Amino acid sequence: MMLEIVVKHALGAFLLDAAFTAPAGVTAIFGTSGSGKTSILRSVAGLSPIDQGRIAVTNDVLYDTASGVNVAPHQRRIGYVFQDARLFPHMSVRQNLRFGGTFEEDRTVKLLGLDNILDRRPVNLSGGEQQRVAIGRALMSNPRLLLLDEPLASLDALRKAEVLPYLERLRDEMRLPMLYVSHDLSEVARLATTLVLLDQGQVRCAGPLQAMLSDPKLMPQFGVRAAGSVLRATVAGVDADDALTTLDTSAGQIILPGQLGAVGQKLRLRIIAQDVILAQEAPAKISALNVLPATIARLETGQGPGVAVVLQAGDEQILARVTRRSAKAMGLAVGQDIFAIIKATAIAPADVGRARKMD
């Protein structure tokens, strides 16, 4: 599936002028509040007007200004999950699900872990349970495309952690194309394969998730304290006594706290740039468990006091951020061999997720 989106529309003084293509998988639309993320989803769903544009799923045109095509929202076969669950309070979970349709009900219930709450009403559900029901209702309409508009924004950290694994299962097992709107990089890094960076109604950049997150030129867009990189990993072993998991990556072994999965399981790790320490020699007798040999592939000096350093470690790129003073004192240069030091506790549980089989 290939989703083609060209949208141009004036909303008062705000102009939405965005164009991108979304391949199969999860495409995240990332940007600050007011950048036009929700407006794009509403346009795709047919819920908002468009002055000019074209929206097509593969060869099926849903909207095209030039030809006058404008398929009605209920005929587009698109599922929509909003920030709030919008469940019917007088209906049970089962009835809310069936309001969306009856497509693969048993599979949907099992996939989202809804078996034990089917007879409850929304008032008796947690926020995370409500969102899972809302996702299930959208799935049971048999959509060819799923739109998720910040579905975790109203949840606290605990409830987000509850729902994210279900979204990963949805991505991997249903293989349903998704447009996922968020301003939370940890969600994006765990779920997406493609990233669209939206700023003031325009697409600043779009492409594969891993390449974009490790691009130092995009650090200001992501925020220097949130920018980082995503590594692919495989569980190599679990030490139950120390509650540590050893992961194999092409960059080397990484040890993290907790029991993160069974041996052989594929994971994704998000490493925040400012949590990476650089050393010119392999350190000895330090508390940090992860020391990865790497080569400096790129240096970028911004407007502030920091320098972004792109490290090539095996097949992975790791983004680090140091001060100009440190970069100068160490004589950092492209091609220089270096060691990246990462504390095991620096990688938050929210930044470890299940990888797609094809990752």
Protein backbone atom coordinates (compact mmCIF):
# COMPACT_ATOMS: atom_id res chain seq x y z
CA MET A 1 0.00 0.00 0.00
CA MET A 2 1.11 3.53 -0.76
CA LEU A 3 -0.77 6.49 0.64
CA GLU A 4 -0.42 9.72 -1.31
CA ILE A 5 -1.33 12.94 0.50
CA VAL A 6 -1.31 16.44 -0.98
CA VAL A 7 -3.31 18.89 1.12
CA LYS A 8 -3.55 22.66 0.82
CA HIS A 9 -6.10 24.49 2.93
CA ALA A 10 -6.37 27.85 4.68
CA LEU A 11 -7.62 27.79 8.26
CA GLY A 12 -7.93 31.47 9.12
CA ALA A 13 -4.37 32.83 9.17
CA PHE A 14 -2.94 29.30 9.24
CA LEU A 15 -2.05 27.64 5.93
CA LEU A 16 -1.78 23.88 5.78
CA ASP A 17 0.38 23.04 2.76
CA ALA A 18 1.64 19.48 3.15
CA ALA A 19 2.59 16.74 0.70
CA PHE A 20 4.11 13.32 1.37
CA THR A 21 3.73 9.63 0.60
CA ALA A 22 3.36 6.97 3.26
CA PRO A 23 4.50 3.41 2.47
CA ALA A 24 3.16 0.28 4.14
CA GLY A 25 3.69 0.18 7.89
CA VAL A 26 3.27 2.89 10.51
CA THR A 27 3.88 6.48 9.40
CA ALA A 28 4.18 8.89 12.31
CA ILE A 29 3.32 12.56 11.83
CA PHE A 30 5.35 14.43 14.41
CA GLY A 31 5.26 18.09 15.32
CA THR A 32 4.44 20.62 17.99
CA SER A 33 0.86 21.50 18.90
CA GLY A 34 -0.77 23.59 16.20
CA SER A 35 1.48 22.35 13.39
CA GLY A 36 -1.42 20.79 11.47
CA LYS A 37 -1.14 17.11 12.40
CA THR A 38 -4.80 16.55 13.21
CA SER A 39 -5.89 18.61 10.20
CA ILE A 40 -4.08 16.15 7.91
CA LEU A 41 -5.81 13.16 9.49
CA ARG A 42 -9.22 14.82 9.24
CA SER A 43 -8.56 15.60 5.59
CA VAL A 44 -7.65 11.98 4.86
CA ALA A 45 -10.79 10.79 6.63
CA GLY A 46 -12.94 13.28 4.70
CA LEU A 47 -14.00 15.10 7.88
CA SER A 48 -12.49 18.47 6.92
CA PRO A 49 -12.67 20.40 3.64
CA ILE A 50 -9.65 20.91 1.38
CA ASP A 51 -9.05 23.89 -0.89
CA GLN A 52 -6.70 21.95 -3.16
CA GLY A 53 -5.14 18.52 -3.07
CA ARG A 54 -5.15 14.82 -3.77
CA ILE A 55 -5.54 11.84 -1.45
CA ALA A 56 -5.16 8.31 -2.77
CA VAL A 57 -4.66 4.85 -1.30
CA THR A 58 -2.56 2.94 -3.84
CA ASN A 59 -4.56 3.49 -7.05
CA ASP A 60 -7.85 4.32 -5.36
CA VAL A 61 -8.41 8.08 -5.38
CA LEU A 62 -10.38 9.38 -2.40
CA TYR A 63 -10.08 13.09 -3.17
CA ASP A 64 -8.75 15.00 -6.14
CA THR A 65 -9.37 18.66 -6.86
CA ALA A 66 -8.45 18.34 -10.53
CA SER A 67 -10.92 15.55 -11.34
CA GLY A 68 -13.59 16.51 -8.81
CA VAL A 69 -13.44 13.17 -6.97
CA ASN A 70 -14.53 13.38 -3.33
CA VAL A 71 -15.48 10.03 -1.80
CA ALA A 72 -17.85 10.33 1.17
CA PRO A 73 -16.24 9.67 4.58
CA HIS A 74 -18.31 6.53 5.27
CA GLN A 75 -17.23 5.05 1.92
CA ARG A 76 -13.47 5.54 2.39
CA ARG A 77 -13.02 2.47 4.63
CA ILE A 78 -10.85 4.36 7.10
CA GLY A 79 -10.79 3.72 10.85
CA TYR A 80 -10.27 6.72 13.11
CA VAL A 81 -9.11 6.68 16.75
CA PHE A 82 -9.35 10.03 18.54
CA GLN A 83 -7.48 11.42 21.55
CA ASP A 84 -10.46 10.59 23.75
CA ALA A 85 -12.14 7.21 23.40
CA ARG A 86 -15.62 8.59 22.56
CA LEU A 87 -17.36 5.41 23.69
CA PHE A 88 -21.13 5.25 24.16
CA PRO A 89 -21.65 5.34 27.95
CA HIS A 90 -24.94 3.40 27.87
CA MET A 91 -23.39 0.49 25.92
CA SER A 92 -21.21 -2.37 27.11
CA VAL A 93 -17.74 -2.90 25.67
CA ARG A 94 -19.13 -5.62 23.41
CA GLN A 95 -21.87 -3.31 22.13
CA ASN A 96 -19.39 -0.48 21.56
CA LEU A 97 -17.18 -2.81 19.55
CA ARG A 98 -20.07 -4.04 17.42
CA PHE A 99 -21.19 -0.49 16.72
CA GLY A 100 -18.04 -0.25 14.59
CA GLY A 101 -18.90 -3.49 12.75
CA THR A 102 -18.45 -7.22 13.12
CA PHE A 103 -15.22 -7.79 11.19
CA GLU A 104 -13.05 -10.45 12.90
CA GLU A 105 -14.53 -9.82 16.33
CA ASP A 106 -12.80 -12.74 18.07
CA ARG A 107 -9.41 -11.78 16.65
CA THR A 108 -9.85 -8.14 17.64
CA VAL A 109 -10.88 -9.03 21.19
CA LYS A 110 -7.90 -11.33 21.60
CA LEU A 111 -5.43 -8.94 19.98
CA LEU A 112 -6.35 -6.08 22.32
CA GLY A 113 -6.86 -8.17 25.45
CA LEU A 114 -10.53 -7.29 25.87
CA ASP A 115 -11.82 -10.74 26.83
CA ASN A 116 -12.42 -9.95 30.50
CA ILE A 117 -14.13 -6.58 30.10
CA LEU A 118 -16.69 -7.25 27.35
CA ASP A 119 -19.69 -6.85 29.66
CA ARG A 120 -18.47 -3.69 31.40
CA ARG A 121 -19.57 -0.17 30.58
CA PRO A 122 -17.07 2.64 29.85
CA VAL A 123 -17.53 4.23 33.30
CA ASN A 124 -16.00 1.09 34.82
CA LEU A 125 -12.92 1.09 32.57
CA SER A 126 -9.52 2.67 33.04
CA GLY A 127 -8.33 5.23 30.50
CA GLY A 128 -6.07 2.64 28.89
CA GLU A 129 -8.91 0.11 28.63
CA GLN A 130 -11.16 2.73 27.04
CA GLN A 131 -8.56 3.48 24.37
CA ARG A 132 -8.12 -0.21 23.61
CA VAL A 133 -11.88 -0.51 23.10
CA ALA A 134 -11.84 2.54 20.82
CA ILE A 135 -9.07 0.95 18.74
CA GLY A 136 -11.03 -2.29 18.59
CA ARG A 137 -14.18 -0.50 17.44
CA ALA A 138 -12.20 1.10 14.60
CA LEU A 139 -10.72 -2.28 13.62
CA MET A 140 -14.10 -3.98 13.47
CA SER A 141 -15.21 -1.62 10.69
CA ASN A 142 -12.78 -3.55 8.43
CA PRO A 143 -10.68 -0.49 7.50
CA ARG A 144 -7.94 -0.51 4.90
CA LEU A 145 -6.22 2.34 6.72
CA LEU A 146 -6.15 3.28 10.40
CA LEU A 147 -5.75 6.87 11.63
CA LEU A 148 -4.66 7.39 15.24
CA ASP A 149 -4.76 10.96 16.53
CA GLU A 150 -2.58 11.09 19.66
CA PRO A 151 -4.41 8.09 21.15
CA LEU A 152 -2.21 8.10 24.28
CA ALA A 153 -2.16 11.86 24.91
CA SER A 154 -4.78 11.76 27.66
CA LEU A 155 -3.13 8.89 29.54
CA ASP A 156 -0.58 9.00 32.32
CA ALA A 157 2.76 7.17 32.00
CA LEU A 158 1.42 3.98 33.59
CA ARG A 159 -1.55 3.74 31.23
CA LYS A 160 0.63 4.56 28.22
CA ALA A 161 2.91 1.69 29.16
CA GLU A 162 -0.19 -0.53 29.33
CA VAL A 163 -1.45 0.37 25.84
CA LEU A 164 1.81 0.59 23.84
CA PRO A 165 2.41 -3.19 23.66
CA TYR A 166 -1.06 -3.62 22.17
CA LEU A 167 -0.28 -1.02 19.51
CA GLU A 168 2.92 -2.94 18.71
CA ARG A 169 0.90 -6.14 18.36
CA LEU A 170 -1.58 -4.34 16.13
CA ARG A 171 1.27 -3.11 13.93
CA ASP A 172 2.93 -6.53 13.69
CA GLU A 173 0.01 -8.94 13.55
CA MET A 174 -2.67 -7.04 11.63
CA ARG A 175 -0.18 -5.39 9.27
CA LEU A 176 -2.71 -2.62 8.79
CA PRO A 177 -1.28 0.64 7.40
CA MET A 178 -1.46 3.39 10.00
CA LEU A 179 -1.01 7.14 10.21
CA TYR A 180 -0.03 7.90 13.80
CA VAL A 181 -0.06 11.47 15.08
CA SER A 182 2.04 12.30 18.13
CA HIS A 183 4.30 14.89 19.73
CA ASP A 184 5.93 12.22 21.95
CA LEU A 185 9.19 10.91 20.47
CA SER A 186 9.24 7.80 22.66
CA GLU A 187 5.92 6.65 21.13
CA VAL A 188 7.11 7.46 17.63
CA ALA A 189 10.42 5.63 18.10
CA ARG A 190 8.67 2.49 19.34
CA LEU A 191 5.96 2.26 16.70
CA ALA A 192 6.84 3.99 13.44
CA THR A 193 8.73 2.88 10.36
CA THR A 194 8.38 6.20 8.53
CA LEU A 195 8.47 9.68 10.02
CA VAL A 196 6.93 12.90 8.71
CA LEU A 197 8.16 16.04 10.45
CA LEU A 198 5.53 18.79 10.34
CA ASP A 199 6.23 22.41 11.22
CA GLN A 200 3.74 25.29 10.90
CA GLY A 201 1.64 23.43 8.36
CA GLN A 202 4.50 22.30 6.13
CA VAL A 203 6.45 19.07 5.81
CA ARG A 204 10.03 19.86 6.77
CA CYS A 205 11.32 16.37 6.18
CA ALA A 206 10.03 12.82 5.65
CA GLY A 207 11.75 9.47 5.47
CA PRO A 208 12.77 6.29 7.32
CA LEU A 209 12.47 6.67 11.08
CA GLN A 210 15.98 5.59 12.08
CA ALA A 211 17.74 7.84 9.58
CA MET A 212 15.71 10.89 10.57
CA LEU A 213 16.08 10.48 14.32
CA SER A 214 19.87 10.24 14.03
CA ASP A 215 20.16 13.24 11.67
CA PRO A 216 21.89 16.03 13.64
CA LYS A 217 20.38 18.75 11.47
CA LEU A 218 16.93 17.78 12.76
CA MET A 219 17.83 18.04 16.45
CA PRO A 220 16.23 21.50 16.84
CA GLN A 221 12.96 20.13 15.45
CA PHE A 222 12.91 17.20 17.86
CA GLY A 223 14.34 19.19 20.78
CA VAL A 224 17.95 18.85 21.84
CA ARG A 225 16.94 17.10 25.08
CA ALA A 226 14.77 14.55 23.27
CA ALA A 227 16.76 13.88 20.09
CA GLY A 228 18.47 10.53 19.84
CA SER A 229 18.77 7.38 17.79
CA VAL A 230 17.05 4.00 17.47
CA LEU A 231 18.99 0.74 17.51
CA ARG A 232 17.85 -2.73 16.54
CA ALA A 233 18.58 -5.42 19.13
CA THR A 234 18.05 -9.10 19.91
CA VAL A 235 17.68 -10.50 23.41
CA ALA A 236 20.80 -12.62 24.03
CA GLY A 237 20.26 -13.52 27.67
CA VAL A 238 18.52 -12.66 30.94
CA ASP A 239 20.23 -12.61 34.33
CA ALA A 240 17.42 -13.17 36.80
CA ASP A 241 19.66 -12.63 39.84
CA ASP A 242 20.75 -9.14 38.77
CA ALA A 243 17.51 -8.40 36.85
CA LEU A 244 19.48 -7.49 33.74
CA THR A 245 18.98 -8.28 30.06
CA THR A 246 21.85 -8.62 27.60
CA LEU A 247 21.10 -7.49 24.06
CA ASP A 248 23.02 -8.14 20.88
CA THR A 249 23.27 -5.25 18.42
CA SER A 250 25.56 -4.74 15.45
CA ALA A 251 27.20 -2.01 17.56
CA GLY A 252 28.05 -4.50 20.32
CA GLN A 253 26.39 -5.93 23.39
CA ILE A 254 24.16 -3.67 25.48
CA ILE A 255 22.99 -4.47 29.01
CA LEU A 256 19.77 -2.98 30.34
CA PRO A 257 17.82 -3.36 33.58
CA GLY A 258 14.74 -5.56 33.73
CA GLN A 259 13.67 -8.72 31.98
CA LEU A 260 12.89 -7.34 28.54
CA GLY A 261 11.86 -10.48 26.69
CA ALA A 262 12.66 -14.04 25.78
CA VAL A 263 15.97 -15.00 24.20
CA GLY A 264 15.81 -14.28 20.48
CA GLN A 265 13.15 -11.59 20.72
CA LYS A 266 13.72 -8.55 18.50
CA LEU A 267 13.59 -5.14 20.15
CA ARG A 268 14.06 -1.46 19.40
CA LEU A 269 16.04 0.83 21.69
CA ARG A 270 15.87 4.60 21.74
CA ILE A 271 19.05 6.20 23.05
CA ILE A 272 18.85 9.91 23.82
CA ALA A 273 21.84 11.83 22.47
CA GLN A 274 22.63 13.69 25.68
CA ASP A 275 22.89 10.38 27.56
CA VAL A 276 25.86 9.24 25.44
CA ILE A 277 29.32 9.99 26.88
CA LEU A 278 32.39 9.95 24.60
CA ALA A 279 35.86 8.71 25.51
CA GLN A 280 39.04 8.51 23.44
CA GLU A 281 40.23 5.42 25.32
CA ALA A 282 38.33 2.42 26.60
CA PRO A 283 37.48 3.29 30.22
CA ALA A 284 38.27 0.94 33.08
CA LYS A 285 36.59 0.48 36.46
CA ILE A 286 33.53 2.61 35.75
CA SER A 287 29.93 1.94 36.74
CA ALA A 288 28.52 2.26 33.21
CA LEU A 289 27.90 -1.21 31.74
CA ASN A 290 27.84 -0.28 28.07
CA VAL A 291 30.99 0.78 26.22
CA LEU A 292 30.71 0.62 22.43
CA PRO A 293 33.59 1.18 20.00
CA ALA A 294 32.62 3.54 17.19
CA THR A 295 33.92 5.93 14.55
CA ILE A 296 32.90 9.57 14.20
CA ALA A 297 30.96 9.85 10.95
CA ARG A 298 29.75 13.43 11.19
CA LEU A 299 29.98 16.56 13.32
CA GLU A 300 27.42 19.37 13.39
CA THR A 301 27.81 22.59 15.36
CA GLY A 302 24.57 24.44 16.03
CA GLN A 303 23.73 27.92 17.30
CA GLY A 304 23.99 26.94 20.96
CA PRO A 305 26.85 25.51 23.03
CA GLY A 306 26.42 21.94 21.77
CA VAL A 307 27.96 19.80 19.05
CA ALA A 308 26.04 16.88 17.55
CA VAL A 309 28.23 13.85 16.89
CA VAL A 310 27.08 11.01 14.62
CA LEU A 311 28.84 7.75 15.49
CA GLN A 312 29.02 4.74 13.20
CA ALA A 313 28.96 1.60 15.34
CA GLY A 314 28.58 -1.55 13.31
CA ASP A 315 25.54 -1.08 11.11
CA GLU A 316 24.01 1.42 13.51
CA GLN A 317 24.29 5.17 13.83
CA ILE A 318 24.33 6.59 17.35
CA LEU A 319 23.75 10.27 17.95
CA ALA A 320 25.63 11.98 20.79
CA ARG A 321 25.62 15.57 22.03
CA VAL A 322 28.60 17.21 23.73
CA THR A 323 29.60 20.79 24.47
CA ARG A 324 31.82 22.73 22.09
CA ARG A 325 34.40 22.90 24.86
CA SER A 326 34.52 19.10 25.14
CA ALA A 327 34.66 18.66 21.37
CA LYS A 328 37.59 21.07 21.15
CA ALA A 329 39.44 19.59 24.13
CA MET A 330 39.14 16.09 22.69
CA GLY A 331 39.99 17.20 19.17
CA LEU A 332 36.94 15.42 17.78
CA ALA A 333 37.15 14.90 14.02
CA VAL A 334 35.41 12.85 11.34
CA GLY A 335 37.05 9.44 11.01
CA GLN A 336 38.32 9.40 14.60
CA ASP A 337 37.89 6.20 16.62
CA ILE A 338 35.95 6.78 19.82
CA PHE A 339 34.09 4.94 22.57
CA ALA A 340 30.43 5.59 23.33
CA ILE A 341 29.52 5.07 26.98
CA ILE A 342 25.87 4.52 27.90
CA LYS A 343 24.61 3.88 31.42
CA ALA A 344 22.20 0.96 31.60
CA THR A 345 19.74 3.05 33.60
CA ALA A 346 19.82 5.89 31.06
CA ILE A 347 17.49 4.01 28.70
CA ALA A 348 13.97 4.33 30.06
CA PRO A 349 11.52 1.39 29.90
CA ALA A 350 9.30 3.49 27.63
CA ASP A 351 12.16 3.64 25.13
CA VAL A 352 12.37 -0.15 24.71
CA GLY A 353 9.82 -1.73 22.42
CA ARG A 354 9.14 -4.72 20.25
CA ALA A 355 10.63 -4.51 16.77
CA ARG A 356 8.83 -5.52 13.62
CA LYS A 357 10.04 -8.84 12.18
CA MET A 358 11.32 -6.99 9.12
CA ASP A 359 13.32 -4.40 11.12
